[in-house]
Amino acid sequence: TALFNFTSLLLVILLLICTCAYVHQLFPAILDRNKTGITGIFWKCARIGERLSPYMSLCCGVMAVSERSPS
């Protein structure tokens, strides 16, 4: 159902990027083995999360405020 709601889709993508960056920080060998193919998406998400961490934290803050605000 997250595919039909744009806010939910953004939240899923943001959580995927943050989770992959966290897992790559703890266990780098897991994601470094799979840089190509369908599992390479997780490695790419980890790279995005590592390189854009100030922007990712800003996005997390904005998403938290938008989810808490009544609509």
PDB file of N, CA and C in Angstrom:
ATOM      1  N   THR A   1       0.813  -1.203   0.000  1.00  0.00           N
ATOM      2  CA  THR A   1       0.000   0.000   0.000  1.00  0.00           C
ATOM      3  C   THR A   1       0.852   1.261   0.000  1.00  0.00           C
ATOM      4  N   ALA A   2       2.138   1.128   0.291  1.00  0.00           N
ATOM      5  CA  ALA A   2       3.011   2.297   0.303  1.00  0.00           C
ATOM      6  C   ALA A   2       3.265   2.821  -1.103  1.00  0.00           C
ATOM      7  N   LEU A   3       3.021   2.000  -2.100  1.00  0.00           N
ATOM      8  CA  LEU A   3       3.253   2.445  -3.472  1.00  0.00           C
ATOM      9  C   LEU A   3       2.213   3.452  -3.931  1.00  0.00           C
ATOM     10  N   PHE A   4       1.045   3.441  -3.329  1.00  0.00           N
ATOM     11  CA  PHE A   4      -0.029   4.319  -3.765  1.00  0.00           C
ATOM     12  C   PHE A   4      -0.075   5.633  -2.988  1.00  0.00           C
ATOM     13  N   ASN A   5       0.633   5.706  -1.895  1.00  0.00           N
ATOM     14  CA  ASN A   5       0.684   6.922  -1.094  1.00  0.00           C
ATOM     15  C   ASN A   5       2.106   7.469  -1.181  1.00  0.00           C
ATOM     16  N   PHE A   6       2.259   8.682  -1.701  1.00  0.00           N
ATOM     17  CA  PHE A   6       3.587   9.238  -1.947  1.00  0.00           C
ATOM     18  C   PHE A   6       4.366   9.429  -0.652  1.00  0.00           C
ATOM     19  N   THR A   7       3.715   9.872   0.404  1.00  0.00           N
ATOM     20  CA  THR A   7       4.392  10.080   1.688  1.00  0.00           C
ATOM     21  C   THR A   7       4.901   8.756   2.248  1.00  0.00           C
ATOM     22  N   SER A   8       4.094   7.716   2.143  1.00  0.00           N
ATOM     23  CA  SER A   8       4.513   6.398   2.632  1.00  0.00           C
ATOM     24  C   SER A   8       5.656   5.839   1.795  1.00  0.00           C
ATOM     25  N   LEU A   9       5.624   6.073   0.506  1.00  0.00           N
ATOM     26  CA  LEU A   9       6.709   5.631  -0.362  1.00  0.00           C
ATOM     27  C   LEU A   9       8.023   6.322   0.005  1.00  0.00           C
ATOM     28  N   LEU A  10       7.969   7.615   0.247  1.00  0.00           N
ATOM     29  CA  LEU A  10       9.172   8.336   0.674  1.00  0.00           C
ATOM     30  C   LEU A  10       9.682   7.827   2.010  1.00  0.00           C
ATOM     31  N   LEU A  11       8.776   7.512   2.909  1.00  0.00           N
ATOM     32  CA  LEU A  11       9.167   6.991   4.213  1.00  0.00           C
ATOM     33  C   LEU A  11       9.839   5.631   4.078  1.00  0.00           C
ATOM     34  N   VAL A  12       9.325   4.766   3.241  1.00  0.00           N
ATOM     35  CA  VAL A  12       9.925   3.446   3.030  1.00  0.00           C
ATOM     36  C   VAL A  12      11.319   3.580   2.421  1.00  0.00           C
ATOM     37  N   ILE A  13      11.475   4.447   1.446  1.00  0.00           N
ATOM     38  CA  ILE A  13      12.783   4.653   0.818  1.00  0.00           C
ATOM     39  C   ILE A  13      13.774   5.232   1.821  1.00  0.00           C
ATOM     40  N   LEU A  14      13.340   6.187   2.619  1.00  0.00           N
ATOM     41  CA  LEU A  14      14.202   6.795   3.630  1.00  0.00           C
ATOM     42  C   LEU A  14      14.633   5.773   4.668  1.00  0.00           C
ATOM     43  N   LEU A  15      13.718   4.946   5.126  1.00  0.00           N
ATOM     44  CA  LEU A  15      14.065   3.908   6.095  1.00  0.00           C
ATOM     45  C   LEU A  15      14.983   2.853   5.489  1.00  0.00           C
ATOM     46  N   LEU A  16      14.791   2.528   4.222  1.00  0.00           N
ATOM     47  CA  LEU A  16      15.668   1.573   3.551  1.00  0.00           C
ATOM     48  C   LEU A  16      17.094   2.105   3.478  1.00  0.00           C
ATOM     49  N   ILE A  17      17.242   3.361   3.115  1.00  0.00           N
ATOM     50  CA  ILE A  17      18.575   3.969   3.020  1.00  0.00           C
ATOM     51  C   ILE A  17      19.245   4.024   4.383  1.00  0.00           C
ATOM     52  N   CYS A  18      18.507   4.435   5.402  1.00  0.00           N
ATOM     53  CA  CYS A  18      19.083   4.529   6.747  1.00  0.00           C
ATOM     54  C   CYS A  18      19.455   3.148   7.296  1.00  0.00           C
ATOM     55  N   THR A  19      18.613   2.156   7.057  1.00  0.00           N
ATOM     56  CA  THR A  19      18.893   0.804   7.534  1.00  0.00           C
ATOM     57  C   THR A  19      20.104   0.207   6.838  1.00  0.00           C
ATOM     58  N   CYS A  20      20.198   0.400   5.537  1.00  0.00           N
ATOM     59  CA  CYS A  20      21.349  -0.131   4.796  1.00  0.00           C
ATOM     60  C   CYS A  20      22.644   0.538   5.232  1.00  0.00           C
ATOM     61  N   ALA A  21      22.614   1.829   5.478  1.00  0.00           N
ATOM     62  CA  ALA A  21      23.821   2.522   5.944  1.00  0.00           C
ATOM     63  C   ALA A  21      24.233   2.032   7.325  1.00  0.00           C
ATOM     64  N   TYR A  22      23.254   1.759   8.189  1.00  0.00           N
ATOM     65  CA  TYR A  22      23.551   1.264   9.530  1.00  0.00           C
ATOM     66  C   TYR A  22      24.132  -0.153   9.485  1.00  0.00           C
ATOM     67  N   VAL A  23      23.534  -1.014   8.679  1.00  0.00           N
ATOM     68  CA  VAL A  23      24.031  -2.384   8.555  1.00  0.00           C
ATOM     69  C   VAL A  23      25.429  -2.392   7.936  1.00  0.00           C
ATOM     70  N   HIS A  24      25.663  -1.525   6.971  1.00  0.00           N
ATOM     71  CA  HIS A  24      26.988  -1.465   6.338  1.00  0.00           C
ATOM     72  C   HIS A  24      28.040  -0.974   7.319  1.00  0.00           C
ATOM     73  N   GLN A  25      27.654  -0.120   8.244  1.00  0.00           N
ATOM     74  CA  GLN A  25      28.601   0.359   9.244  1.00  0.00           C
ATOM     75  C   GLN A  25      28.971  -0.761  10.219  1.00  0.00           C
ATOM     76  N   LEU A  26      27.998  -1.593  10.583  1.00  0.00           N
ATOM     77  CA  LEU A  26      28.270  -2.674  11.524  1.00  0.00           C
ATOM     78  C   LEU A  26      28.945  -3.877  10.874  1.00  0.00           C
ATOM     79  N   PHE A  27      28.440  -4.284   9.708  1.00  0.00           N
ATOM     80  CA  PHE A  27      28.938  -5.467   9.010  1.00  0.00           C
ATOM     81  C   PHE A  27      29.223  -5.119   7.557  1.00  0.00           C
ATOM     82  N   PRO A  28      30.356  -4.486   7.265  1.00  0.00           N
ATOM     83  CA  PRO A  28      30.614  -4.045   5.889  1.00  0.00           C
ATOM     84  C   PRO A  28      30.765  -5.186   4.888  1.00  0.00           C
ATOM     85  N   ALA A  29      31.202  -6.341   5.328  1.00  0.00           N
ATOM     86  CA  ALA A  29      31.433  -7.444   4.391  1.00  0.00           C
ATOM     87  C   ALA A  29      30.135  -7.971   3.790  1.00  0.00           C
ATOM     88  N   ILE A  30      29.034  -7.849   4.512  1.00  0.00           N
ATOM     89  CA  ILE A  30      27.760  -8.373   4.016  1.00  0.00           C
ATOM     90  C   ILE A  30      27.330  -7.633   2.756  1.00  0.00           C
ATOM     91  N   LEU A  31      27.379  -6.318   2.778  1.00  0.00           N
ATOM     92  CA  LEU A  31      26.929  -5.542   1.628  1.00  0.00           C
ATOM     93  C   LEU A  31      28.012  -5.391   0.567  1.00  0.00           C
ATOM     94  N   ASP A  32      29.268  -5.467   0.943  1.00  0.00           N
ATOM     95  CA  ASP A  32      30.343  -5.317  -0.038  1.00  0.00           C
ATOM     96  C   ASP A  32      30.460  -6.521  -0.965  1.00  0.00           C
ATOM     97  N   ARG A  33      29.980  -7.687  -0.524  1.00  0.00           N
ATOM     98  CA  ARG A  33      30.009  -8.874  -1.386  1.00  0.00           C
ATOM     99  C   ARG A  33      29.035  -8.742  -2.543  1.00  0.00           C
ATOM    100  N   ASN A  34      27.941  -8.048  -2.316  1.00  0.00           N
ATOM    101  CA  ASN A  34      26.852  -7.995  -3.288  1.00  0.00           C
ATOM    102  C   ASN A  34      26.713  -6.594  -3.877  1.00  0.00           C
ATOM    103  N   LYS A  35      27.658  -6.209  -4.711  1.00  0.00           N
ATOM    104  CA  LYS A  35      27.617  -4.878  -5.317  1.00  0.00           C
ATOM    105  C   LYS A  35      26.874  -4.858  -6.642  1.00  0.00           C
ATOM    106  N   THR A  36      26.605  -6.008  -7.204  1.00  0.00           N
ATOM    107  CA  THR A  36      25.906  -6.071  -8.486  1.00  0.00           C
ATOM    108  C   THR A  36      24.647  -6.913  -8.339  1.00  0.00           C
ATOM    109  N   GLY A  37      23.785  -6.789  -9.305  1.00  0.00           N
ATOM    110  CA  GLY A  37      22.555  -7.571  -9.295  1.00  0.00           C
ATOM    111  C   GLY A  37      21.474  -6.898  -8.462  1.00  0.00           C
ATOM    112  N   ILE A  38      20.456  -7.676  -8.146  1.00  0.00           N
ATOM    113  CA  ILE A  38      19.332  -7.133  -7.396  1.00  0.00           C
ATOM    114  C   ILE A  38      19.721  -6.802  -5.955  1.00  0.00           C
ATOM    115  N   THR A  39      20.663  -7.548  -5.377  1.00  0.00           N
ATOM    116  CA  THR A  39      21.102  -7.244  -4.016  1.00  0.00           C
ATOM    117  C   THR A  39      22.036  -6.043  -3.974  1.00  0.00           C
ATOM    118  N   GLY A  40      22.488  -5.589  -5.134  1.00  0.00           N
ATOM    119  CA  GLY A  40      23.315  -4.390  -5.189  1.00  0.00           C
ATOM    120  C   GLY A  40      22.544  -3.137  -4.835  1.00  0.00           C
ATOM    121  N   ILE A  41      21.233  -3.215  -4.852  1.00  0.00           N
ATOM    122  CA  ILE A  41      20.407  -2.067  -4.467  1.00  0.00           C
ATOM    123  C   ILE A  41      20.689  -1.689  -3.017  1.00  0.00           C
ATOM    124  N   PHE A  42      20.870  -2.702  -2.161  1.00  0.00           N
ATOM    125  CA  PHE A  42      21.140  -2.421  -0.753  1.00  0.00           C
ATOM    126  C   PHE A  42      22.505  -1.769  -0.575  1.00  0.00           C
ATOM    127  N   TRP A  43      23.502  -2.201  -1.369  1.00  0.00           N
ATOM    128  CA  TRP A  43      24.821  -1.580  -1.306  1.00  0.00           C
ATOM    129  C   TRP A  43      24.752  -0.126  -1.771  1.00  0.00           C
ATOM    130  N   LYS A  44      23.966   0.123  -2.819  1.00  0.00           N
ATOM    131  CA  LYS A  44      23.810   1.489  -3.321  1.00  0.00           C
ATOM    132  C   LYS A  44      23.091   2.367  -2.315  1.00  0.00           C
ATOM    133  N   CYS A  45      22.096   1.822  -1.651  1.00  0.00           N
ATOM    134  CA  CYS A  45      21.394   2.579  -0.612  1.00  0.00           C
ATOM    135  C   CYS A  45      22.326   2.909   0.550  1.00  0.00           C
ATOM    136  N   ALA A  46      23.207   1.968   0.883  1.00  0.00           N
ATOM    137  CA  ALA A  46      24.179   2.216   1.953  1.00  0.00           C
ATOM    138  C   ALA A  46      25.140   3.335   1.559  1.00  0.00           C
ATOM    139  N   ARG A  47      25.572   3.352   0.302  1.00  0.00           N
ATOM    140  CA  ARG A  47      26.468   4.414  -0.163  1.00  0.00           C
ATOM    141  C   ARG A  47      25.778   5.767  -0.136  1.00  0.00           C
ATOM    142  N   ILE A  48      24.524   5.797  -0.536  1.00  0.00           N
ATOM    143  CA  ILE A  48      23.764   7.051  -0.487  1.00  0.00           C
ATOM    144  C   ILE A  48      23.657   7.529   0.950  1.00  0.00           C
ATOM    145  N   GLY A  49      23.342   6.619   1.857  1.00  0.00           N
ATOM    146  CA  GLY A  49      23.212   6.985   3.266  1.00  0.00           C
ATOM    147  C   GLY A  49      24.510   7.462   3.884  1.00  0.00           C
ATOM    148  N   GLU A  50      25.635   6.887   3.457  1.00  0.00           N
ATOM    149  CA  GLU A  50      26.926   7.303   4.002  1.00  0.00           C
ATOM    150  C   GLU A  50      27.370   8.645   3.444  1.00  0.00           C
ATOM    151  N   ARG A  51      27.226   8.837   2.174  1.00  0.00           N
ATOM    152  CA  ARG A  51      27.749  10.051   1.537  1.00  0.00           C
ATOM    153  C   ARG A  51      26.848  11.257   1.734  1.00  0.00           C
ATOM    154  N   LEU A  52      25.573  11.050   1.890  1.00  0.00           N
ATOM    155  CA  LEU A  52      24.637  12.162   2.053  1.00  0.00           C
ATOM    156  C   LEU A  52      24.065  12.198   3.463  1.00  0.00           C
ATOM    157  N   SER A  53      24.862  11.814   4.459  1.00  0.00           N
ATOM    158  CA  SER A  53      24.329  11.682   5.809  1.00  0.00           C
ATOM    159  C   SER A  53      23.759  12.985   6.386  1.00  0.00           C
ATOM    160  N   PRO A  54      24.338  14.177   6.149  1.00  0.00           N
ATOM    161  CA  PRO A  54      23.679  15.384   6.683  1.00  0.00           C
ATOM    162  C   PRO A  54      22.315  15.615   6.041  1.00  0.00           C
ATOM    163  N   TYR A  55      22.206  15.355   4.756  1.00  0.00           N
ATOM    164  CA  TYR A  55      20.925  15.537   4.076  1.00  0.00           C
ATOM    165  C   TYR A  55      19.932  14.459   4.478  1.00  0.00           C
ATOM    166  N   MET A  56      20.432  13.248   4.708  1.00  0.00           N
ATOM    167  CA  MET A  56      19.555  12.168   5.142  1.00  0.00           C
ATOM    168  C   MET A  56      19.005  12.446   6.535  1.00  0.00           C
ATOM    169  N   SER A  57      19.830  12.975   7.424  1.00  0.00           N
ATOM    170  CA  SER A  57      19.338  13.295   8.762  1.00  0.00           C
ATOM    171  C   SER A  57      18.333  14.436   8.708  1.00  0.00           C
ATOM    172  N   LEU A  58      18.545  15.382   7.815  1.00  0.00           N
ATOM    173  CA  LEU A  58      17.579  16.450   7.628  1.00  0.00           C
ATOM    174  C   LEU A  58      16.256  15.895   7.098  1.00  0.00           C
ATOM    175  N   CYS A  59      16.336  14.976   6.154  1.00  0.00           N
ATOM    176  CA  CYS A  59      15.121  14.341   5.619  1.00  0.00           C
ATOM    177  C   CYS A  59      14.403  13.551   6.699  1.00  0.00           C
ATOM    178  N   CYS A  60      15.155  12.860   7.561  1.00  0.00           N
ATOM    179  CA  CYS A  60      14.529  12.118   8.660  1.00  0.00           C
ATOM    180  C   CYS A  60      13.808  13.064   9.608  1.00  0.00           C
ATOM    181  N   GLY A  61      14.417  14.197   9.904  1.00  0.00           N
ATOM    182  CA  GLY A  61      13.778  15.187  10.775  1.00  0.00           C
ATOM    183  C   GLY A  61      12.521  15.770  10.158  1.00  0.00           C
ATOM    184  N   VAL A  62      12.588  16.094   8.876  1.00  0.00           N
ATOM    185  CA  VAL A  62      11.415  16.641   8.186  1.00  0.00           C
ATOM    186  C   VAL A  62      10.296  15.604   8.138  1.00  0.00           C
ATOM    187  N   MET A  63      10.658  14.359   7.878  1.00  0.00           N
ATOM    188  CA  MET A  63       9.638  13.318   7.819  1.00  0.00           C
ATOM    189  C   MET A  63       9.026  13.070   9.191  1.00  0.00           C
ATOM    190  N   ALA A  64       9.832  13.140  10.247  1.00  0.00           N
ATOM    191  CA  ALA A  64       9.294  12.955  11.593  1.00  0.00           C
ATOM    192  C   ALA A  64       8.323  14.067  11.950  1.00  0.00           C
ATOM    193  N   VAL A  65       8.655  15.305  11.603  1.00  0.00           N
ATOM    194  CA  VAL A  65       7.759  16.430  11.887  1.00  0.00           C
ATOM    195  C   VAL A  65       6.485  16.320  11.064  1.00  0.00           C
ATOM    196  N   SER A  66       6.621  15.914   9.809  1.00  0.00           N
ATOM    197  CA  SER A  66       5.431  15.819   8.966  1.00  0.00           C
ATOM    198  C   SER A  66       4.521  14.675   9.396  1.00  0.00           C
ATOM    199  N   GLU A  67       5.089  13.612   9.942  1.00  0.00           N
ATOM    200  CA  GLU A  67       4.265  12.498  10.416  1.00  0.00           C
ATOM    201  C   GLU A  67       3.581  12.828  11.739  1.00  0.00           C
ATOM    202  N   ARG A  68       4.208  13.682  12.545  1.00  0.00           N
ATOM    203  CA  ARG A  68       3.634  14.055  13.831  1.00  0.00           C
ATOM    204  C   ARG A  68       2.581  15.136  13.714  1.00  0.00           C
ATOM    205  N   SER A  69       2.677  15.955  12.692  1.00  0.00           N
ATOM    206  CA  SER A  69       1.718  17.064  12.556  1.00  0.00           C
ATOM    207  C   SER A  69       0.359  16.530  12.152  1.00  0.00           C
ATOM    208  N   PRO A  70      -0.700  17.083  12.730  1.00  0.00           N
ATOM    209  CA  PRO A  70      -2.045  16.617  12.355  1.00  0.00           C
ATOM    210  C   PRO A  70      -2.396  17.089  10.956  1.00  0.00           C
ATOM    211  N   SER A  71      -3.049  16.212  10.218  1.00  0.00           N
ATOM    212  CA  SER A  71      -3.437  16.592   8.863  1.00  0.00           C
ATOM    213  C   SER A  71      -4.911  16.381   8.613  1.00  0.00           C
TER     214      SER A  71
END
